[in-house]
N, C-alpha and C. Protein backbone atom coordinates (compact mmCIF):
# COMPACT_ATOMS: atom_id res chain seq x y z
N MET A 1 180.96 149.59 90.11
CA MET A 1 181.82 148.67 90.85
C MET A 1 181.24 148.45 92.25
N SER A 2 181.22 147.23 92.69
CA SER A 2 180.76 146.93 94.04
C SER A 2 181.97 146.64 94.92
N ILE A 3 181.72 146.30 96.17
CA ILE A 3 182.84 146.05 97.07
C ILE A 3 183.62 144.82 96.59
N PRO A 4 184.92 144.78 96.88
CA PRO A 4 185.74 143.64 96.44
C PRO A 4 185.19 142.30 96.95
N GLU A 5 185.26 141.30 96.12
CA GLU A 5 184.75 139.96 96.45
C GLU A 5 185.37 139.44 97.74
N LYS A 6 186.68 139.62 97.91
CA LYS A 6 187.32 139.08 99.12
C LYS A 6 186.82 139.75 100.39
N LEU A 7 186.41 141.02 100.29
CA LEU A 7 185.85 141.71 101.45
C LEU A 7 184.46 141.15 101.76
N ALA A 8 183.63 141.03 100.75
CA ALA A 8 182.29 140.47 100.95
C ALA A 8 182.39 139.04 101.48
N ARG A 9 183.35 138.28 100.98
CA ARG A 9 183.52 136.88 101.37
C ARG A 9 183.83 136.74 102.86
N ILE A 10 184.68 137.61 103.41
CA ILE A 10 185.01 137.50 104.84
C ILE A 10 183.76 137.75 105.69
N PHE A 11 182.91 138.68 105.25
CA PHE A 11 181.67 138.96 105.99
C PHE A 11 180.73 137.76 105.93
N ILE A 12 180.62 137.15 104.77
CA ILE A 12 179.73 136.00 104.59
C ILE A 12 180.27 134.80 105.37
N ASP A 13 181.56 134.50 105.18
CA ASP A 13 182.16 133.33 105.84
C ASP A 13 182.10 133.42 107.36
N ARG A 14 182.29 134.62 107.89
CA ARG A 14 182.30 134.80 109.36
C ARG A 14 180.95 135.24 109.92
N LYS A 15 179.97 135.30 109.02
CA LYS A 15 178.61 135.69 109.42
C LYS A 15 178.61 137.05 110.14
N ILE A 16 179.33 138.00 109.54
CA ILE A 16 179.41 139.36 110.09
C ILE A 16 178.34 140.21 109.43
N PRO A 17 177.41 140.74 110.22
CA PRO A 17 176.41 141.63 109.62
C PRO A 17 177.08 142.94 109.21
N TYR A 18 176.74 143.41 108.01
CA TYR A 18 177.31 144.66 107.52
C TYR A 18 176.31 145.35 106.61
N LYS A 19 176.57 146.60 106.37
CA LYS A 19 175.71 147.39 105.51
C LYS A 19 176.59 148.13 104.52
N VAL A 20 176.22 148.10 103.25
CA VAL A 20 176.93 148.86 102.22
C VAL A 20 176.08 150.09 101.89
N VAL A 21 176.72 151.25 101.92
CA VAL A 21 176.06 152.50 101.57
C VAL A 21 176.75 153.04 100.32
N THR A 22 175.97 153.27 99.27
CA THR A 22 176.51 153.87 98.05
C THR A 22 176.23 155.37 98.11
N HIS A 23 177.23 156.14 97.70
CA HIS A 23 177.14 157.60 97.83
C HIS A 23 177.73 158.25 96.59
N PRO A 24 177.52 159.56 96.43
CA PRO A 24 178.17 160.26 95.32
C PRO A 24 179.69 160.14 95.47
N GLU A 25 180.38 160.10 94.36
CA GLU A 25 181.84 159.92 94.37
C GLU A 25 182.51 160.97 95.27
N ALA A 26 183.39 160.48 96.14
CA ALA A 26 184.16 161.33 97.05
C ALA A 26 185.52 160.68 97.24
N PHE A 27 186.55 161.50 97.47
CA PHE A 27 187.90 160.96 97.47
C PHE A 27 188.63 161.02 98.81
N THR A 28 188.28 161.93 99.69
CA THR A 28 188.96 161.96 100.98
C THR A 28 188.04 161.34 102.03
N ALA A 29 188.63 160.83 103.09
CA ALA A 29 187.84 160.20 104.15
C ALA A 29 186.86 161.19 104.76
N GLN A 30 187.28 162.44 104.95
CA GLN A 30 186.37 163.42 105.54
C GLN A 30 185.22 163.75 104.59
N GLN A 31 185.48 163.79 103.28
CA GLN A 31 184.40 164.01 102.31
C GLN A 31 183.41 162.85 102.35
N VAL A 32 183.93 161.64 102.38
CA VAL A 32 183.05 160.47 102.41
C VAL A 32 182.23 160.46 103.70
N ALA A 33 182.87 160.74 104.83
CA ALA A 33 182.14 160.79 106.10
C ALA A 33 181.01 161.82 106.02
N GLN A 34 181.30 162.95 105.42
CA GLN A 34 180.29 164.00 105.30
C GLN A 34 179.11 163.57 104.42
N VAL A 35 179.39 163.02 103.23
CA VAL A 35 178.29 162.65 102.33
C VAL A 35 177.49 161.46 102.85
N THR A 36 178.10 160.62 103.68
CA THR A 36 177.38 159.48 104.24
C THR A 36 176.82 159.78 105.63
N ARG A 37 177.05 160.99 106.10
CA ARG A 37 176.55 161.47 107.40
C ARG A 37 177.05 160.61 108.57
N VAL A 38 178.29 160.20 108.48
CA VAL A 38 178.94 159.45 109.56
C VAL A 38 179.89 160.42 110.25
N PRO A 39 179.82 160.56 111.57
CA PRO A 39 180.76 161.45 112.25
C PRO A 39 182.21 161.06 111.91
N GLY A 40 183.04 162.06 111.67
CA GLY A 40 184.43 161.82 111.28
C GLY A 40 185.21 160.97 112.25
N ARG A 41 184.87 161.02 113.53
CA ARG A 41 185.58 160.22 114.53
C ARG A 41 185.15 158.75 114.49
N GLU A 42 184.07 158.45 113.76
CA GLU A 42 183.61 157.07 113.61
C GLU A 42 183.91 156.52 112.22
N PHE A 43 184.44 157.38 111.35
CA PHE A 43 184.79 156.96 110.00
C PHE A 43 186.28 156.67 109.96
N ALA A 44 186.63 155.44 109.60
CA ALA A 44 188.03 155.03 109.60
C ALA A 44 188.66 155.23 108.22
N LYS A 45 189.84 155.79 108.22
CA LYS A 45 190.59 155.89 106.97
C LYS A 45 191.84 155.04 107.09
N SER A 46 192.29 154.54 105.96
CA SER A 46 193.52 153.75 105.95
C SER A 46 194.65 154.61 105.39
N VAL A 47 195.75 154.62 106.12
CA VAL A 47 196.94 155.35 105.71
C VAL A 47 198.03 154.31 105.50
N MET A 48 198.57 154.28 104.30
CA MET A 48 199.58 153.29 103.98
C MET A 48 200.97 153.80 104.35
N VAL A 49 201.68 152.99 105.13
CA VAL A 49 202.97 153.40 105.68
C VAL A 49 204.02 152.33 105.40
N ASN A 50 205.22 152.77 105.12
CA ASN A 50 206.36 151.87 104.96
C ASN A 50 207.10 151.87 106.29
N VAL A 51 207.10 150.73 106.96
CA VAL A 51 207.74 150.60 108.27
C VAL A 51 208.89 149.61 108.13
N ASP A 52 210.09 150.13 108.25
CA ASP A 52 211.30 149.29 108.11
C ASP A 52 211.25 148.45 106.84
N GLY A 53 210.77 149.06 105.75
CA GLY A 53 210.74 148.37 104.46
C GLY A 53 209.53 147.50 104.21
N LYS A 54 208.58 147.44 105.15
CA LYS A 54 207.38 146.62 104.99
C LYS A 54 206.15 147.54 104.99
N ILE A 55 205.19 147.23 104.13
CA ILE A 55 203.97 148.03 104.05
C ILE A 55 203.03 147.67 105.19
N TRP A 56 202.57 148.70 105.90
CA TRP A 56 201.58 148.58 106.97
C TRP A 56 200.40 149.48 106.63
N MET A 57 199.25 149.16 107.21
CA MET A 57 198.07 150.00 107.09
C MET A 57 197.76 150.56 108.49
N ALA A 58 197.78 151.88 108.59
CA ALA A 58 197.37 152.53 109.83
C ALA A 58 195.91 152.93 109.66
N VAL A 59 195.06 152.51 110.58
CA VAL A 59 193.63 152.81 110.52
C VAL A 59 193.33 153.82 111.62
N VAL A 60 192.92 155.01 111.20
CA VAL A 60 192.71 156.12 112.12
C VAL A 60 191.40 156.84 111.79
N PRO A 61 190.87 157.63 112.74
CA PRO A 61 189.66 158.39 112.42
C PRO A 61 189.91 159.36 111.27
N ALA A 62 188.88 159.60 110.46
CA ALA A 62 188.99 160.49 109.30
C ALA A 62 189.46 161.88 109.69
N THR A 63 189.21 162.28 110.91
CA THR A 63 189.55 163.63 111.37
C THR A 63 191.00 163.77 111.82
N GLU A 64 191.74 162.69 111.84
CA GLU A 64 193.09 162.71 112.43
C GLU A 64 194.18 162.48 111.39
N ARG A 65 195.41 162.74 111.83
CA ARG A 65 196.59 162.50 111.00
C ARG A 65 197.55 161.60 111.75
N VAL A 66 198.22 160.74 111.00
CA VAL A 66 199.20 159.83 111.60
C VAL A 66 200.47 160.60 111.90
N ASP A 67 201.01 160.39 113.08
CA ASP A 67 202.32 160.92 113.44
C ASP A 67 203.30 159.78 113.23
N LEU A 68 204.12 159.90 112.20
CA LEU A 68 205.01 158.79 111.83
C LEU A 68 206.03 158.46 112.91
N ALA A 69 206.54 159.47 113.60
CA ALA A 69 207.51 159.21 114.67
C ALA A 69 206.85 158.45 115.82
N ARG A 70 205.64 158.81 116.16
CA ARG A 70 204.92 158.10 117.22
C ARG A 70 204.58 156.68 116.80
N MET A 71 204.17 156.51 115.53
CA MET A 71 203.85 155.18 115.03
C MET A 71 205.09 154.30 115.05
N GLN A 72 206.20 154.87 114.65
CA GLN A 72 207.47 154.15 114.67
C GLN A 72 207.76 153.64 116.09
N GLY A 73 207.52 154.50 117.08
CA GLY A 73 207.72 154.10 118.48
C GLY A 73 206.77 153.00 118.91
N CYS A 74 205.51 153.10 118.51
CA CYS A 74 204.51 152.09 118.88
C CYS A 74 204.90 150.73 118.35
N LEU A 75 205.47 150.70 117.15
CA LEU A 75 205.84 149.43 116.53
C LEU A 75 207.27 149.00 116.87
N GLY A 76 208.01 149.86 117.55
CA GLY A 76 209.40 149.53 117.84
C GLY A 76 210.24 149.47 116.57
N ALA A 77 209.90 150.31 115.61
CA ALA A 77 210.57 150.31 114.31
C ALA A 77 211.71 151.32 114.27
N LYS A 78 212.58 151.12 113.30
CA LYS A 78 213.70 152.04 113.10
C LYS A 78 213.30 153.22 112.22
N LYS A 79 212.42 152.95 111.24
CA LYS A 79 212.04 154.00 110.30
C LYS A 79 210.60 153.79 109.84
N ALA A 80 209.85 154.87 109.80
CA ALA A 80 208.48 154.84 109.28
C ALA A 80 208.27 156.07 108.41
N ARG A 81 207.68 155.84 107.25
CA ARG A 81 207.37 156.94 106.33
C ARG A 81 206.11 156.58 105.57
N LEU A 82 205.45 157.58 104.99
CA LEU A 82 204.29 157.28 104.16
C LEU A 82 204.74 156.44 102.98
N ALA A 83 203.97 155.44 102.65
CA ALA A 83 204.28 154.59 101.50
C ALA A 83 203.90 155.33 100.22
N THR A 84 204.62 155.04 99.17
CA THR A 84 204.29 155.63 97.87
C THR A 84 203.20 154.79 97.21
N GLU A 85 202.48 155.41 96.30
CA GLU A 85 201.44 154.68 95.57
C GLU A 85 202.02 153.46 94.86
N SER A 86 203.21 153.61 94.32
CA SER A 86 203.80 152.49 93.58
C SER A 86 204.16 151.33 94.51
N GLU A 87 204.33 151.61 95.81
CA GLU A 87 204.63 150.54 96.77
C GLU A 87 203.39 149.76 97.16
N PHE A 88 202.25 150.44 97.30
CA PHE A 88 201.07 149.74 97.81
C PHE A 88 199.98 149.45 96.79
N SER A 89 199.90 150.21 95.71
CA SER A 89 198.78 150.00 94.77
C SER A 89 198.76 148.60 94.17
N PRO A 90 199.90 147.95 93.87
CA PRO A 90 199.81 146.59 93.32
C PRO A 90 199.18 145.58 94.31
N LEU A 91 199.26 145.87 95.59
CA LEU A 91 198.69 144.96 96.60
C LEU A 91 197.16 145.00 96.59
N PHE A 92 196.59 146.11 96.15
CA PHE A 92 195.15 146.33 96.20
C PHE A 92 194.58 146.45 94.79
N SER A 93 194.88 145.48 93.95
CA SER A 93 194.52 145.55 92.53
C SER A 93 193.00 145.55 92.28
N ASP A 94 192.22 145.09 93.25
CA ASP A 94 190.76 145.07 93.07
C ASP A 94 190.09 146.29 93.70
N CYS A 95 190.89 147.30 94.06
CA CYS A 95 190.36 148.51 94.71
C CYS A 95 190.74 149.75 93.91
N ASP A 96 189.89 150.77 94.00
CA ASP A 96 190.26 152.07 93.47
C ASP A 96 191.41 152.61 94.31
N LEU A 97 192.34 153.31 93.69
CA LEU A 97 193.47 153.87 94.40
C LEU A 97 192.96 154.84 95.47
N GLY A 98 193.39 154.62 96.69
CA GLY A 98 192.97 155.48 97.80
C GLY A 98 191.68 155.05 98.47
N ALA A 99 191.09 153.95 98.05
CA ALA A 99 189.83 153.49 98.63
C ALA A 99 189.97 152.10 99.24
N MET A 100 191.15 151.80 99.75
CA MET A 100 191.41 150.48 100.31
C MET A 100 190.59 150.26 101.58
N PRO A 101 189.95 149.09 101.70
CA PRO A 101 189.22 148.79 102.94
C PRO A 101 190.20 148.57 104.09
N ILE A 102 189.71 148.69 105.30
CA ILE A 102 190.57 148.59 106.50
C ILE A 102 190.94 147.16 106.86
N PHE A 103 190.56 146.21 106.03
CA PHE A 103 190.92 144.81 106.24
C PHE A 103 192.20 144.50 105.47
N GLY A 104 193.32 145.03 105.94
CA GLY A 104 194.60 144.84 105.28
C GLY A 104 195.02 143.39 105.18
N SER A 105 194.63 142.58 106.15
CA SER A 105 195.04 141.17 106.14
C SER A 105 194.57 140.44 104.88
N LEU A 106 193.48 140.90 104.28
CA LEU A 106 192.99 140.30 103.04
C LEU A 106 193.99 140.51 101.90
N TYR A 107 194.89 141.45 102.09
CA TYR A 107 195.86 141.81 101.05
C TYR A 107 197.30 141.55 101.51
N GLY A 108 197.45 140.84 102.62
CA GLY A 108 198.78 140.54 103.13
C GLY A 108 199.45 141.71 103.82
N VAL A 109 198.67 142.68 104.27
CA VAL A 109 199.20 143.89 104.89
C VAL A 109 198.79 143.92 106.37
N PRO A 110 199.77 144.01 107.28
CA PRO A 110 199.42 144.10 108.69
C PRO A 110 198.74 145.45 109.00
N VAL A 111 197.85 145.42 109.98
CA VAL A 111 197.05 146.60 110.31
C VAL A 111 197.33 147.06 111.74
N LEU A 112 197.47 148.36 111.85
CA LEU A 112 197.62 149.03 113.14
C LEU A 112 196.42 149.95 113.26
N VAL A 113 195.67 149.85 114.35
CA VAL A 113 194.48 150.68 114.51
C VAL A 113 194.62 151.57 115.74
N CYS A 114 194.11 152.78 115.61
CA CYS A 114 194.11 153.73 116.72
C CYS A 114 193.06 153.30 117.75
N HIS A 115 193.45 153.23 119.00
CA HIS A 115 192.55 152.80 120.08
C HIS A 115 191.25 153.60 120.09
N GLU A 116 191.32 154.86 119.72
CA GLU A 116 190.14 155.73 119.71
C GLU A 116 189.00 155.11 118.90
N LEU A 117 189.31 154.48 117.77
CA LEU A 117 188.28 153.85 116.94
C LEU A 117 187.66 152.63 117.62
N THR A 118 188.42 151.95 118.46
CA THR A 118 187.92 150.73 119.09
C THR A 118 186.88 151.04 120.16
N GLU A 119 186.76 152.29 120.55
CA GLU A 119 185.79 152.68 121.58
C GLU A 119 184.40 152.94 121.02
N ASN A 120 184.29 152.98 119.69
CA ASN A 120 182.99 153.19 119.04
C ASN A 120 182.21 151.87 118.97
N GLU A 121 180.91 151.98 118.85
CA GLU A 121 180.05 150.81 118.66
C GLU A 121 180.17 150.29 117.23
N GLU A 122 180.16 151.23 116.27
CA GLU A 122 180.24 150.89 114.86
C GLU A 122 181.39 151.62 114.21
N ILE A 123 181.77 151.11 113.04
CA ILE A 123 182.83 151.73 112.26
C ILE A 123 182.39 151.74 110.80
N ALA A 124 182.76 152.79 110.10
CA ALA A 124 182.47 152.90 108.67
C ALA A 124 183.79 153.14 107.95
N PHE A 125 183.89 152.65 106.72
CA PHE A 125 185.13 152.80 105.97
C PHE A 125 184.88 152.63 104.48
N THR A 126 185.78 153.18 103.66
CA THR A 126 185.66 152.99 102.22
C THR A 126 185.84 151.51 101.92
N ALA A 127 185.11 151.05 100.94
CA ALA A 127 185.08 149.61 100.68
C ALA A 127 185.57 149.27 99.28
N GLY A 128 186.74 149.80 98.93
CA GLY A 128 187.34 149.44 97.66
C GLY A 128 186.99 150.35 96.50
N THR A 129 185.99 151.23 96.69
CA THR A 129 185.61 152.17 95.63
C THR A 129 185.45 153.56 96.24
N HIS A 130 185.35 154.54 95.37
CA HIS A 130 185.10 155.92 95.84
C HIS A 130 183.61 156.20 95.94
N ARG A 131 182.79 155.14 95.86
CA ARG A 131 181.34 155.29 95.96
C ARG A 131 180.68 154.36 96.97
N ASP A 132 181.46 153.49 97.60
CA ASP A 132 180.87 152.52 98.53
C ASP A 132 181.54 152.59 99.90
N VAL A 133 180.69 152.54 100.91
CA VAL A 133 181.13 152.52 102.30
C VAL A 133 180.51 151.30 102.96
N VAL A 134 181.28 150.66 103.83
CA VAL A 134 180.76 149.57 104.63
C VAL A 134 180.66 150.04 106.07
N GLN A 135 179.58 149.66 106.71
CA GLN A 135 179.39 149.91 108.14
C GLN A 135 179.21 148.57 108.83
N LEU A 136 179.90 148.40 109.96
CA LEU A 136 179.75 147.18 110.76
C LEU A 136 180.15 147.47 112.20
N ARG A 137 179.93 146.49 113.04
CA ARG A 137 180.27 146.66 114.45
C ARG A 137 181.79 146.61 114.63
N VAL A 138 182.30 147.47 115.48
CA VAL A 138 183.74 147.50 115.76
C VAL A 138 184.20 146.15 116.29
N ALA A 139 183.41 145.54 117.15
CA ALA A 139 183.79 144.24 117.71
C ALA A 139 184.00 143.19 116.61
N ASP A 140 183.17 143.24 115.57
CA ASP A 140 183.32 142.30 114.46
C ASP A 140 184.60 142.59 113.66
N PHE A 141 184.89 143.87 113.45
CA PHE A 141 186.14 144.23 112.77
C PHE A 141 187.34 143.73 113.55
N LEU A 142 187.37 143.99 114.85
CA LEU A 142 188.51 143.59 115.68
C LEU A 142 188.67 142.07 115.71
N ALA A 143 187.57 141.35 115.80
CA ALA A 143 187.65 139.88 115.83
C ALA A 143 188.13 139.31 114.49
N ALA A 144 187.67 139.88 113.40
CA ALA A 144 188.03 139.35 112.08
C ALA A 144 189.44 139.77 111.65
N GLU A 145 189.84 140.98 111.98
CA GLU A 145 191.12 141.52 111.50
C GLU A 145 192.25 141.30 112.50
N ALA A 146 191.95 141.31 113.78
CA ALA A 146 192.96 141.18 114.85
C ALA A 146 194.14 142.15 114.63
N PRO A 147 193.85 143.46 114.52
CA PRO A 147 194.92 144.42 114.28
C PRO A 147 195.73 144.70 115.54
N LYS A 148 196.90 145.26 115.37
CA LYS A 148 197.66 145.77 116.51
C LYS A 148 196.99 147.08 116.89
N VAL A 149 196.71 147.28 118.17
CA VAL A 149 196.05 148.50 118.63
C VAL A 149 197.08 149.37 119.35
N CYS A 150 197.14 150.63 118.95
CA CYS A 150 198.03 151.59 119.60
C CYS A 150 197.19 152.69 120.23
N GLU A 151 197.62 153.16 121.38
CA GLU A 151 196.94 154.27 122.03
C GLU A 151 196.98 155.50 121.14
N ARG A 152 196.02 156.38 121.32
CA ARG A 152 195.90 157.61 120.52
C ARG A 152 197.23 158.36 120.49
N GLU A 153 197.83 158.55 121.65
CA GLU A 153 199.06 159.32 121.76
C GLU A 153 200.23 158.63 121.06
N ALA A 154 200.10 157.36 120.77
CA ALA A 154 201.19 156.60 120.17
C ALA A 154 201.13 156.54 118.66
N ILE A 155 200.09 157.15 118.07
CA ILE A 155 199.97 157.06 116.60
C ILE A 155 199.50 158.35 115.95
N LEU A 156 198.72 159.17 116.65
CA LEU A 156 198.15 160.36 116.05
C LEU A 156 198.95 161.60 116.38
N SER A 157 198.92 162.55 115.44
CA SER A 157 199.58 163.84 115.68
C SER A 157 198.74 164.61 116.69
N GLY A 158 199.30 165.64 117.24
CA GLY A 158 198.61 166.43 118.24
C GLY A 158 197.48 167.26 117.69
N THR A 159 197.41 167.45 116.37
CA THR A 159 196.35 168.25 115.78
C THR A 159 195.57 167.43 114.78
N SER A 160 194.34 167.83 114.56
CA SER A 160 193.50 167.13 113.59
C SER A 160 193.76 167.61 112.20
């Protein structure tokens, strides 16, 4: 399986330079970061969250955990909880479960990104499979996705 067509299409249409790295199958963001030799703080993972009944994608460094109460505050929401697989998997039908790319807008899902990731030059993320990673410039991701950015303290838990 290669990266989803809609992901490749946004890169082609917007002339975004990117690199696909194929690696041995891995399932967690930290495992993928390790096998692709990308520092965990530069590897973005997507965490699916139900915010006031709507699915959101929180994009955070592989080394961190989302603090739902802080995220709720950042978004001005009443309730935030981890989304169930049955809530989000139908939205990402062209992706392996748990390997959703950080371009939630391609799937009708709003994206919230941790400010810490925006300070990097490049970003790497799973690209729809448990064997493919995409690397591109953070500036290109931000321009193409236009995510809501929250400060580290407003989305991440105090521990890694």
